[in-house]
Amino acid sequence: MHKIEASTLEEARTNWCIYAQRIIENYPHDAINSNNVVNTIYTRLDKFLESKPTVENGTIYTSTYFPSVNEVNADYEQVWCKINTAHPIDAANLGFRSLGEHQSNSTMNELALSWAYNYVDDRLKTAYQTADVTIDYRESQKLTGLTWSRAELVWQKRNNQSYILETPYLRTGNLLFEALSYKHYCKLLSPKGAVDFIAQISNT
């Protein structure tokens, strides 16, 4: 069972891509954390898009970006993550290895909503339960960095009780250029976006 250890919204928000590195690539809970990950939160989109996750000298490097409301067509905050696939992490012999197949990007969206539900107050919990919302989690694979960077996180309302949440992602294996190999890029619902969604549903 995956666990998000954050106790505050800001902690969850700023560390979400570290959690994604651990959970999507299927590592033990205590293996990947702020002790062995340097997660850079970019404030400029061009710098984020230029960044590359890597593993060097025993440290895992990841990238985070929170797009502004002017950059995306979304009602709820997103977080864009650039993480490594398991291959370079396992090859670095850091004292742990991936437990197996990588997880769906949708796992992180489900966890965002689960964490947000546990975070909000009892009134919102009860109202959200009563609303009986269902979410159809999906993901769409992109083939190049350009198509991924231009893709949107799809948050589509079917009706008052049903939504579609689809994550665009890019995943590479061993390519001609090492700088482009073994990368995983994804656009996710942020914990703040999940809290705002639950609050809105609960107040309607």
Protein backbone atom coordinates (compact mmCIF):
# COMPACT_ATOMS: atom_id res chain seq x y z
CA MET A 1 0.00 0.00 0.00
CA HIS A 2 1.49 3.33 -1.04
CA LYS A 3 1.78 5.97 1.63
CA ILE A 4 2.24 9.72 1.46
CA GLU A 5 3.93 10.82 4.68
CA ALA A 6 3.32 14.56 4.32
CA SER A 7 1.50 16.16 7.24
CA THR A 8 0.93 19.59 5.66
CA LEU A 9 -0.39 20.67 2.29
CA GLU A 10 2.80 22.53 1.42
CA GLU A 11 4.92 19.51 2.31
CA ALA A 12 2.80 17.27 0.09
CA ARG A 13 2.78 19.81 -2.71
CA THR A 14 6.52 20.52 -2.82
CA ASN A 15 7.54 16.86 -2.41
CA TRP A 16 5.00 15.36 -4.81
CA CYS A 17 7.56 14.59 -7.53
CA ILE A 18 9.80 12.87 -4.97
CA TYR A 19 6.85 10.69 -4.03
CA ALA A 20 6.23 10.09 -7.74
CA GLN A 21 9.85 8.99 -8.21
CA ARG A 22 9.45 6.43 -5.45
CA ILE A 23 5.93 5.24 -6.17
CA ILE A 24 5.77 5.20 -9.97
CA GLU A 25 9.11 3.37 -10.17
CA ASN A 26 8.00 0.96 -7.44
CA TYR A 27 10.56 1.45 -4.67
CA PRO A 28 10.18 0.61 -0.97
CA HIS A 29 8.65 3.33 1.17
CA ASP A 30 11.89 4.19 2.99
CA ALA A 31 14.16 3.99 -0.07
CA ILE A 32 13.69 7.32 -1.81
CA ASN A 33 13.21 10.55 0.11
CA SER A 34 14.62 14.03 0.59
CA ASN A 35 17.85 12.51 1.95
CA ASN A 36 18.89 11.11 -1.42
CA VAL A 37 16.85 13.21 -3.84
CA VAL A 38 17.52 16.75 -5.00
CA ASN A 39 14.21 18.02 -6.33
CA THR A 40 14.42 21.36 -8.10
CA ILE A 41 11.19 23.37 -8.23
CA TYR A 42 11.38 25.55 -11.32
CA THR A 43 9.56 28.87 -11.54
CA ARG A 44 10.18 29.32 -15.27
CA LEU A 45 8.65 26.94 -17.78
CA ASP A 46 11.55 27.18 -20.26
CA LYS A 47 14.06 26.19 -17.58
CA PHE A 48 11.88 23.30 -16.45
CA LEU A 49 11.51 22.00 -20.02
CA GLU A 50 15.28 22.18 -20.48
CA SER A 51 15.94 20.26 -17.27
CA LYS A 52 16.75 16.55 -17.26
CA PRO A 53 16.34 14.16 -14.33
CA THR A 54 19.45 12.11 -13.64
CA VAL A 55 21.28 9.99 -11.09
CA GLU A 56 24.80 11.13 -10.24
CA ASN A 57 27.23 10.31 -7.43
CA GLY A 58 24.60 8.58 -5.32
CA THR A 59 22.03 11.36 -5.66
CA ILE A 60 18.75 11.26 -7.59
CA TYR A 61 17.83 14.49 -9.34
CA THR A 62 14.22 15.32 -10.23
CA SER A 63 12.39 18.39 -11.55
CA THR A 64 9.09 19.98 -10.52
CA TYR A 65 6.96 22.69 -12.11
CA PHE A 66 3.62 24.17 -11.10
CA PRO A 67 2.01 25.72 -14.19
CA SER A 68 0.10 28.94 -13.70
CA VAL A 69 -3.59 29.28 -14.54
CA ASN A 70 -2.51 31.24 -17.63
CA GLU A 71 -0.44 28.31 -18.93
CA VAL A 72 -2.98 25.51 -18.70
CA ASN A 73 -6.68 25.02 -19.20
CA ALA A 74 -7.44 23.65 -15.76
CA ASP A 75 -9.67 24.35 -12.79
CA TYR A 76 -7.34 22.70 -10.28
CA GLU A 77 -3.62 22.99 -9.70
CA GLN A 78 -1.34 20.59 -11.54
CA VAL A 79 2.22 19.50 -10.83
CA TRP A 80 4.53 18.48 -13.65
CA CYS A 81 7.25 15.98 -12.76
CA LYS A 82 10.43 14.88 -14.47
CA ILE A 83 11.75 11.75 -12.80
CA ASN A 84 14.05 8.84 -13.65
CA THR A 85 13.00 5.37 -14.64
CA ALA A 86 14.25 2.60 -12.36
CA HIS A 87 17.17 1.63 -14.62
CA PRO A 88 19.70 4.36 -13.66
CA ILE A 89 18.65 4.25 -9.99
CA ASP A 90 19.18 0.49 -9.79
CA ALA A 91 22.45 0.79 -11.73
CA ALA A 92 23.74 3.32 -9.19
CA ASN A 93 23.76 0.65 -6.44
CA LEU A 94 22.24 2.88 -3.80
CA GLY A 95 21.44 -0.02 -1.48
CA PHE A 96 17.93 -0.71 -2.76
CA ARG A 97 16.26 -1.78 -5.98
CA SER A 98 12.90 -1.38 -7.64
CA LEU A 99 10.38 -3.98 -6.52
CA GLY A 100 9.23 -4.64 -10.08
CA GLU A 101 7.02 -3.17 -12.77
CA HIS A 102 6.54 0.57 -12.73
CA GLN A 103 3.17 1.88 -11.58
CA SER A 104 0.56 3.83 -13.51
CA ASN A 105 0.72 7.63 -13.41
CA SER A 106 -2.90 7.48 -12.31
CA THR A 107 -1.68 5.99 -9.04
CA MET A 108 -0.38 9.45 -8.13
CA ASN A 109 -3.69 11.11 -9.01
CA GLU A 110 -5.56 8.60 -6.87
CA LEU A 111 -3.13 9.21 -4.02
CA ALA A 112 -3.54 12.99 -4.36
CA LEU A 113 -7.29 12.67 -3.86
CA SER A 114 -6.88 10.10 -1.09
CA TRP A 115 -4.38 12.30 0.74
CA ALA A 116 -6.60 15.37 0.25
CA TYR A 117 -9.64 13.52 1.60
CA ASN A 118 -7.73 12.65 4.78
CA TYR A 119 -6.44 16.21 5.02
CA VAL A 120 -9.75 18.13 4.84
CA ASP A 121 -12.02 18.62 7.84
CA ASP A 122 -14.85 16.28 8.81
CA ARG A 123 -17.54 18.49 7.28
CA LEU A 124 -15.93 18.31 3.86
CA LYS A 125 -15.27 14.57 4.24
CA THR A 126 -18.94 13.89 4.95
CA ALA A 127 -20.13 16.12 2.12
CA TYR A 128 -17.70 14.55 -0.36
CA GLN A 129 -18.80 11.05 0.65
CA THR A 130 -22.43 12.06 0.18
CA ALA A 131 -21.68 13.45 -3.30
CA ASP A 132 -20.59 9.91 -4.32
CA VAL A 133 -18.17 11.12 -7.00
CA THR A 134 -16.54 8.61 -9.35
CA ILE A 135 -13.37 9.33 -11.31
CA ASP A 136 -12.27 7.47 -14.44
CA TYR A 137 -8.47 7.51 -14.26
CA ARG A 138 -6.65 7.34 -17.59
CA GLU A 139 -3.26 8.10 -19.10
CA SER A 140 -1.98 8.88 -22.59
CA GLN A 141 1.57 8.19 -23.72
CA LYS A 142 3.38 10.84 -25.76
CA LEU A 143 6.30 9.99 -28.04
CA THR A 144 8.42 13.13 -27.87
CA GLY A 145 9.26 15.82 -25.35
CA LEU A 146 7.57 18.39 -27.58
CA THR A 147 4.25 16.55 -27.72
CA TRP A 148 4.40 15.91 -23.99
CA SER A 149 5.16 19.55 -23.16
CA ARG A 150 2.16 20.68 -25.22
CA ALA A 151 -0.22 18.03 -23.89
CA GLU A 152 -2.87 18.89 -21.31
CA LEU A 153 -3.85 17.09 -18.17
CA VAL A 154 -7.46 16.23 -18.98
CA TRP A 155 -9.95 16.93 -16.20
CA GLN A 156 -13.34 16.42 -17.79
CA LYS A 157 -16.71 16.60 -16.09
CA ARG A 158 -19.24 14.07 -17.38
CA ASN A 159 -21.90 15.09 -14.90
CA ASN A 160 -22.09 16.17 -11.25
CA GLN A 161 -20.97 12.73 -10.07
CA SER A 162 -18.60 11.54 -12.80
CA TYR A 163 -15.24 12.84 -14.03
CA ILE A 164 -12.37 11.79 -16.29
CA LEU A 165 -8.80 12.48 -15.16
CA GLU A 166 -6.20 11.66 -17.81
CA THR A 167 -2.44 12.12 -17.39
CA PRO A 168 -0.15 12.71 -20.38
CA TYR A 169 3.26 11.11 -19.94
CA LEU A 170 6.51 10.41 -21.75
CA ARG A 171 8.69 7.43 -20.89
CA THR A 172 11.99 6.60 -22.56
CA GLY A 173 14.28 3.59 -22.56
CA ASN A 174 17.83 3.36 -23.86
CA LEU A 175 18.10 5.99 -26.59
CA LEU A 176 21.06 7.15 -28.68
CA PHE A 177 21.72 10.03 -26.30
CA GLU A 178 22.27 9.31 -22.62
CA ALA A 179 20.73 12.67 -21.66
CA LEU A 180 17.40 11.52 -23.13
CA SER A 181 17.48 7.92 -21.91
CA TYR A 182 15.55 6.44 -18.99
CA LYS A 183 13.32 9.45 -18.31
CA HIS A 184 9.73 9.61 -17.13
CA TYR A 185 7.74 12.83 -17.48
CA CYS A 186 4.18 13.21 -16.26
CA LYS A 187 1.56 15.88 -15.58
CA LEU A 188 -0.39 15.17 -12.41
CA LEU A 189 -3.11 16.59 -10.21
CA SER A 190 -1.35 18.28 -7.30
CA PRO A 191 -2.41 17.74 -3.67
CA LYS A 192 -3.62 21.35 -3.58
CA GLY A 193 -5.68 20.72 -6.71
CA ALA A 194 -7.17 17.65 -5.07
CA VAL A 195 -8.03 19.58 -1.89
CA ASP A 196 -9.68 22.33 -3.95
CA PHE A 197 -11.67 19.78 -5.95
CA ILE A 198 -12.99 18.06 -2.81
CA ALA A 199 -13.87 21.43 -1.29
CA GLN A 200 -15.75 22.52 -4.39
CA ILE A 201 -17.66 19.27 -4.70
CA SER A 202 -18.50 19.39 -1.00
CA ASN A 203 -19.79 22.95 -1.19
CA THR A 204 -22.12 22.47 -4.15
